[in-house]
């Protein structure tokens, strides 16, 4: 059983406890946190109240002390697979992977093998953080299947907890390159539009008034006849955030099967790449920055757009 303790600050007051903990420990899904709460493995203590279990709907208060007990992971029901990895950096605490387009990060319905987790189990010989549970060892944040680029993987729970904190505090800087439909008018801009699960399509996310805060900053890099190359900087990290936000302003990501145009060339998925990643090393305190080279298909698209100018 692993024990974690957190103190709620004033800026977090009012959040639901299940949302707060799943965001802080991003390897734990919200549904898993809700199970921990139901099993009374999360206790809340304040100056006036002794430690007590609460419901998932509990709104945390500044000064609350949260104690979380996570059962030890069982033996992984996954087999290591010798799948090549493009490793940008590795030490005893973590790795930075340049994830290939088409690779699923962790097992999920329909994807029970050949995921990044299977490759990591082989490469790291099981030396991965366990906070994410038996199906997500080492995974502290994700990229969509067809989004390529830089991704942090943690080898132990201390590193995982620290990177999770940095993600929550928004000190991890993530910059993506995307090819989008239409010619962008503005050089720079910010999309501040809340995102939540689509009310009807469960596989999709959507901009909804009462959704979770989502902020994307963008910069236009190049303009073509009918498309644009942009850089997006994430301030928050909602599911499908860039894809939803760009579709929201009528510039959907090229090739996006969920949020893109209904009639477009099939390029095998969205043209979106996590190009730059910066964070503070959880052990040394050094600020690290990495750049994941663009995949060949992305460069080919850019060259084809140049030729049509």
Protein backbone atom coordinates (compact mmCIF):
# COMPACT_ATOMS: atom_id res chain seq x y z
CA UNK A 1 0.00 0.00 0.00
CA UNK A 2 1.44 3.37 -1.07
CA UNK A 3 0.57 6.48 0.96
CA UNK A 4 0.33 10.02 -0.42
CA UNK A 5 -0.41 13.28 1.38
CA UNK A 6 -1.46 16.61 -0.10
CA UNK A 7 -2.34 20.01 1.35
CA UNK A 8 -5.02 21.99 -0.49
CA UNK A 9 -4.09 25.57 -1.38
CA UNK A 10 -6.41 28.54 -1.75
CA UNK A 11 -6.28 28.40 -5.55
CA UNK A 12 -7.66 24.84 -5.54
CA UNK A 13 -10.55 25.45 -3.14
CA UNK A 14 -13.91 24.40 -4.52
CA UNK A 15 -12.71 21.61 -6.81
CA UNK A 16 -14.31 18.18 -6.57
CA UNK A 17 -11.95 15.87 -4.72
CA UNK A 18 -12.08 13.16 -7.40
CA UNK A 19 -11.19 15.66 -10.13
CA UNK A 20 -8.46 17.22 -8.00
CA UNK A 21 -6.72 13.93 -7.19
CA UNK A 22 -6.99 12.49 -10.71
CA UNK A 23 -5.46 15.70 -12.11
CA UNK A 24 -2.71 15.78 -9.49
CA UNK A 25 -1.85 12.12 -10.00
CA UNK A 26 -2.60 11.98 -13.70
CA UNK A 27 -1.72 8.29 -13.86
CA UNK A 28 -4.84 7.58 -11.79
CA UNK A 29 -8.07 7.81 -13.75
CA UNK A 30 -10.99 9.67 -12.22
CA UNK A 31 -13.01 6.45 -12.04
CA UNK A 32 -10.17 4.75 -10.14
CA UNK A 33 -9.99 7.64 -7.66
CA UNK A 34 -13.75 7.33 -7.18
CA UNK A 35 -13.27 3.66 -6.28
CA UNK A 36 -10.63 4.63 -3.72
CA UNK A 37 -13.04 7.18 -2.23
CA UNK A 38 -15.85 4.61 -2.11
CA UNK A 39 -13.54 2.16 -0.33
CA UNK A 40 -12.60 4.88 2.18
CA UNK A 41 -8.96 4.92 1.07
CA UNK A 42 -9.02 8.72 0.87
CA UNK A 43 -9.28 10.68 4.12
CA UNK A 44 -9.78 14.41 4.58
CA UNK A 45 -8.58 16.24 7.67
CA UNK A 46 -8.94 19.90 8.56
CA UNK A 47 -8.13 22.02 11.59
CA UNK A 48 -11.59 21.46 13.07
CA UNK A 49 -12.37 17.95 11.81
CA UNK A 50 -10.57 14.64 12.36
CA UNK A 51 -9.62 12.46 9.36
CA UNK A 52 -12.78 11.20 7.66
CA UNK A 53 -13.81 9.57 4.38
CA UNK A 54 -15.77 11.72 1.93
CA UNK A 55 -17.76 11.22 -1.25
CA UNK A 56 -16.42 11.90 -4.74
CA UNK A 57 -18.56 15.04 -4.92
CA UNK A 58 -16.84 16.60 -1.87
CA UNK A 59 -15.55 20.11 -2.62
CA UNK A 60 -12.07 20.55 -1.18
CA UNK A 61 -11.26 23.54 1.03
CA UNK A 62 -8.07 25.50 1.53
CA UNK A 63 -6.13 23.90 4.38
CA UNK A 64 -7.61 20.44 3.89
CA UNK A 65 -5.07 17.66 4.39
CA UNK A 66 -5.71 14.76 2.03
CA UNK A 67 -4.34 11.30 2.71
CA UNK A 68 -4.53 8.83 -0.15
CA UNK A 69 -3.82 5.09 0.13
CA UNK A 70 -3.24 3.28 -3.16
CA UNK A 71 -3.12 -0.53 -3.06
CA UNK A 72 0.06 -2.07 -4.40
CA UNK A 73 -0.16 -3.05 -8.04
CA UNK A 74 -0.68 -6.70 -8.69
CA UNK A 75 1.59 -8.61 -11.03
CA UNK A 76 1.19 -7.00 -14.42
CA UNK A 77 -1.04 -9.06 -16.70
CA UNK A 78 0.97 -7.69 -19.61
CA UNK A 79 3.84 -9.22 -21.52
CA UNK A 80 6.88 -7.17 -22.43
CA UNK A 81 7.32 -6.74 -26.18
CA UNK A 82 10.55 -5.94 -27.99
CA UNK A 83 9.27 -2.89 -29.85
CA UNK A 84 11.82 -0.26 -30.95
CA UNK A 85 11.60 3.07 -29.14
CA UNK A 86 12.92 6.46 -30.19
CA UNK A 87 14.44 7.62 -26.89
CA UNK A 88 15.36 11.31 -26.64
CA UNK A 89 16.63 11.05 -23.05
CA UNK A 90 16.95 8.47 -20.27
CA UNK A 91 18.30 8.28 -16.71
CA UNK A 92 17.42 6.41 -13.51
CA UNK A 93 14.31 8.53 -12.90
CA UNK A 94 12.62 8.91 -16.27
CA UNK A 95 12.67 8.70 -20.04
CA UNK A 96 11.57 11.09 -22.76
CA UNK A 97 10.19 9.20 -25.74
CA UNK A 98 9.52 10.44 -29.26
CA UNK A 99 6.29 8.45 -29.65
CA UNK A 100 5.59 7.16 -33.11
CA UNK A 101 2.37 8.01 -34.90
CA UNK A 102 -0.05 5.09 -34.70
CA UNK A 103 1.23 3.79 -31.36
CA UNK A 104 -1.31 3.55 -28.54
CA UNK A 105 0.16 4.68 -25.21
CA UNK A 106 -1.43 2.08 -22.91
CA UNK A 107 -3.76 -0.93 -23.17
CA UNK A 108 -7.42 -0.12 -23.71
CA UNK A 109 -10.42 -1.84 -25.28
CA UNK A 110 -9.36 -2.90 -28.77
CA UNK A 111 -5.67 -2.38 -27.99
CA UNK A 112 -4.40 -5.21 -25.80
CA UNK A 113 -0.90 -5.48 -27.22
CA UNK A 114 1.80 -3.56 -29.12
CA UNK A 115 1.32 -0.42 -27.00
CA UNK A 116 3.98 1.92 -25.63
CA UNK A 117 3.54 0.27 -22.22
CA UNK A 118 4.40 -3.15 -23.68
CA UNK A 119 7.53 -1.65 -25.24
CA UNK A 120 8.49 0.08 -21.97
CA UNK A 121 8.12 -3.12 -19.97
CA UNK A 122 10.71 -4.73 -22.24
CA UNK A 123 13.07 -1.75 -22.31
CA UNK A 124 12.90 -0.94 -18.60
CA UNK A 125 12.61 -4.54 -17.38
CA UNK A 126 9.61 -3.63 -15.22
CA UNK A 127 11.31 -0.63 -13.58
CA UNK A 128 8.40 1.81 -13.96
CA UNK A 129 6.25 3.86 -11.61
CA UNK A 130 3.17 2.07 -10.30
CA UNK A 131 0.87 5.01 -9.59
CA UNK A 132 -0.88 4.53 -12.90
CA UNK A 133 -1.99 1.04 -11.96
CA UNK A 134 -1.39 -2.27 -13.68
CA UNK A 135 -2.26 -1.06 -17.17
CA UNK A 136 -0.44 2.29 -17.12
CA UNK A 137 2.94 1.78 -15.43
CA UNK A 138 5.20 4.78 -15.96
CA UNK A 139 2.55 6.78 -17.81
CA UNK A 140 2.20 10.29 -16.37
CA UNK A 141 0.60 11.97 -19.40
CA UNK A 142 -0.58 10.78 -22.79
CA UNK A 143 -0.65 11.49 -26.49
CA UNK A 144 -3.44 10.33 -28.79
CA UNK A 145 -2.74 7.27 -30.91
CA UNK A 146 -2.08 9.26 -34.09
CA UNK A 147 -0.35 12.18 -32.39
CA UNK A 148 3.41 11.76 -32.44
CA UNK A 149 6.14 13.41 -30.40
CA UNK A 150 7.70 13.99 -27.01
CA UNK A 151 6.31 12.12 -24.00
CA UNK A 152 7.62 11.76 -20.42
CA UNK A 153 7.73 8.28 -18.83
CA UNK A 154 8.53 7.86 -15.11
CA UNK A 155 10.55 4.97 -13.69
CA UNK A 156 9.53 5.37 -10.05
CA UNK A 157 6.68 6.78 -7.97
CA UNK A 158 8.62 9.78 -6.64
CA UNK A 159 9.40 10.95 -10.17
CA UNK A 160 5.80 10.27 -11.21
CA UNK A 161 4.41 12.30 -8.31
CA UNK A 162 6.74 15.23 -9.04
CA UNK A 163 6.00 15.36 -12.77
CA UNK A 164 2.27 15.11 -11.97
CA UNK A 165 2.65 18.12 -9.69
CA UNK A 166 4.44 20.06 -12.42
CA UNK A 167 1.68 19.22 -14.89
CA UNK A 168 -0.96 20.43 -12.44
CA UNK A 169 0.99 23.60 -11.71
CA UNK A 170 1.42 24.13 -15.47
CA UNK A 171 5.20 24.35 -15.27
CA UNK A 172 5.66 21.63 -17.91
CA UNK A 173 5.88 23.46 -21.23
CA UNK A 174 4.46 21.61 -24.22
CA UNK A 175 4.54 22.95 -27.76
CA UNK A 176 2.89 21.15 -30.68
CA UNK A 177 3.09 21.67 -34.43
CA UNK A 178 -0.07 21.12 -36.44
CA UNK A 179 -1.20 21.45 -40.02
CA UNK A 180 -4.70 22.89 -40.12
CA UNK A 181 -7.36 23.59 -42.71
CA UNK A 182 -7.70 27.16 -43.89
CA UNK A 183 -5.38 30.15 -44.00
CA UNK A 184 -4.90 31.57 -40.52
CA UNK A 185 -5.54 35.33 -40.34
CA UNK A 186 -3.87 36.12 -37.02
CA UNK A 187 -0.18 35.74 -36.26
CA UNK A 188 -0.93 34.72 -32.67
CA UNK A 189 -3.99 34.03 -30.58
CA UNK A 190 -5.41 32.33 -27.51
CA UNK A 191 -8.37 29.95 -27.38
CA UNK A 192 -9.95 29.97 -23.92
CA UNK A 193 -12.88 27.58 -24.20
CA UNK A 194 -13.89 24.93 -21.61
CA UNK A 195 -13.86 21.29 -22.68
CA UNK A 196 -15.86 18.32 -21.44
CA UNK A 197 -17.09 14.98 -22.77
CA UNK A 198 -19.43 15.41 -25.74
CA UNK A 199 -23.04 15.15 -24.49
CA UNK A 200 -24.00 12.62 -27.19
CA UNK A 201 -20.82 11.18 -28.71
CA UNK A 202 -18.89 9.45 -25.92
CA UNK A 203 -15.71 9.08 -27.98
CA UNK A 204 -15.55 12.81 -28.54
CA UNK A 205 -14.87 15.89 -26.46
CA UNK A 206 -16.57 19.25 -27.01
CA UNK A 207 -16.49 22.90 -26.01
CA UNK A 208 -19.26 23.25 -23.42
CA UNK A 209 -20.08 26.18 -21.11
CA UNK A 210 -19.68 24.20 -17.86
CA UNK A 211 -16.67 22.15 -18.97
CA UNK A 212 -13.17 22.10 -17.49
CA UNK A 213 -10.93 25.08 -18.14
CA UNK A 214 -8.94 24.66 -21.36
CA UNK A 215 -6.49 27.23 -22.77
CA UNK A 216 -4.45 26.91 -25.96
CA UNK A 217 -2.07 29.58 -27.28
CA UNK A 218 -1.23 29.40 -30.98
CA UNK A 219 1.23 31.00 -33.39
CA UNK A 220 1.06 30.90 -37.17
CA UNK A 221 4.34 29.60 -38.65
CA UNK A 222 3.51 29.34 -42.36
CA UNK A 223 0.53 29.92 -44.66
CA UNK A 224 -0.22 27.90 -47.78
CA UNK A 225 -3.00 28.04 -50.38
CA UNK A 226 -5.61 26.27 -48.30
CA UNK A 227 -3.76 25.24 -45.13
CA UNK A 228 -1.55 26.64 -42.39
CA UNK A 229 1.28 25.40 -40.20
CA UNK A 230 0.84 26.46 -36.59
CA UNK A 231 2.51 26.00 -33.22
CA UNK A 232 0.29 25.45 -30.20
CA UNK A 233 1.36 25.91 -26.59
CA UNK A 234 -0.79 24.12 -24.04
CA UNK A 235 -1.60 25.89 -20.81
CA UNK A 236 -3.94 23.07 -19.78
CA UNK A 237 -3.97 19.45 -20.89
CA UNK A 238 -7.50 18.33 -21.63
CA UNK A 239 -8.24 15.27 -23.76
CA UNK A 240 -8.06 16.16 -27.49
CA UNK A 241 -7.57 19.81 -26.50
CA UNK A 242 -5.78 21.12 -29.59
CA UNK A 243 -8.02 19.11 -31.92
CA UNK A 244 -11.20 20.39 -30.25
CA UNK A 245 -10.01 23.98 -29.99
CA UNK A 246 -8.84 24.25 -33.60
CA UNK A 247 -12.12 22.79 -34.85
CA UNK A 248 -13.91 25.28 -32.57
CA UNK A 249 -12.34 28.23 -34.44
CA UNK A 250 -13.03 26.61 -37.85
CA UNK A 251 -9.44 25.50 -38.49
CA UNK A 252 -9.59 21.75 -37.77
CA UNK A 253 -6.38 19.74 -37.79
CA UNK A 254 -5.67 18.15 -41.15
CA UNK A 255 -6.60 14.45 -41.23
CA UNK A 256 -8.48 14.53 -37.92
CA UNK A 257 -11.03 11.67 -38.12
CA UNK A 258 -13.17 12.99 -35.24
CA UNK A 259 -13.13 16.77 -35.49
CA UNK A 260 -11.90 17.35 -39.06
CA UNK A 261 -13.73 17.96 -42.30
CA UNK A 262 -15.94 15.13 -43.52
CA UNK A 263 -14.40 15.28 -47.00
CA UNK A 264 -10.62 15.28 -46.83
CA UNK A 265 -7.73 13.14 -47.95
CA UNK A 266 -7.04 10.19 -45.68
CA UNK A 267 -3.52 10.77 -44.34
CA UNK A 268 -3.75 8.16 -41.59
CA UNK A 269 -4.76 10.45 -38.74
CA UNK A 270 -4.37 14.02 -37.55
CA UNK A 271 -1.26 16.00 -38.54
CA UNK A 272 -0.28 16.84 -34.97
CA UNK A 273 3.16 16.47 -33.39
CA UNK A 274 4.39 17.19 -29.84
CA UNK A 275 7.57 18.96 -30.94
CA UNK A 276 8.96 20.64 -27.81
CA UNK A 277 8.86 19.62 -24.15
CA UNK A 278 10.40 21.33 -21.12
CA UNK A 279 10.20 20.41 -17.43
CA UNK A 280 12.23 20.38 -14.22
CA UNK A 281 14.05 17.15 -13.43
CA UNK A 282 12.38 15.66 -10.31
CA UNK A 283 15.70 14.75 -8.66
CA UNK A 284 18.35 17.24 -9.84
CA UNK A 285 16.12 20.30 -10.19
CA UNK A 286 17.67 21.01 -13.60
CA UNK A 287 15.43 22.46 -16.27
CA UNK A 288 15.41 20.09 -19.25
CA UNK A 289 14.24 20.84 -22.79
CA UNK A 290 13.76 18.42 -25.67
CA UNK A 291 12.79 18.63 -29.32
CA UNK A 292 11.23 15.69 -31.15
CA UNK A 293 12.02 15.80 -34.89
CA UNK A 294 9.04 15.96 -37.22
CA UNK A 295 8.02 12.57 -38.66
CA UNK A 296 8.58 12.01 -42.36
CA UNK A 297 4.88 12.17 -43.31
CA UNK A 298 4.63 15.62 -41.71
CA UNK A 299 7.64 16.94 -43.64
CA UNK A 300 6.23 15.42 -46.84
CA UNK A 301 2.98 17.32 -46.35
CA UNK A 302 4.82 20.60 -45.79
CA UNK A 303 6.87 20.05 -48.97
CA UNK A 304 3.73 19.30 -50.97
CA UNK A 305 2.10 22.52 -49.73
CA UNK A 306 5.23 24.50 -50.63
CA UNK A 307 5.11 23.08 -54.14
CA UNK A 308 1.50 24.22 -54.61
CA UNK A 309 2.13 27.83 -53.65
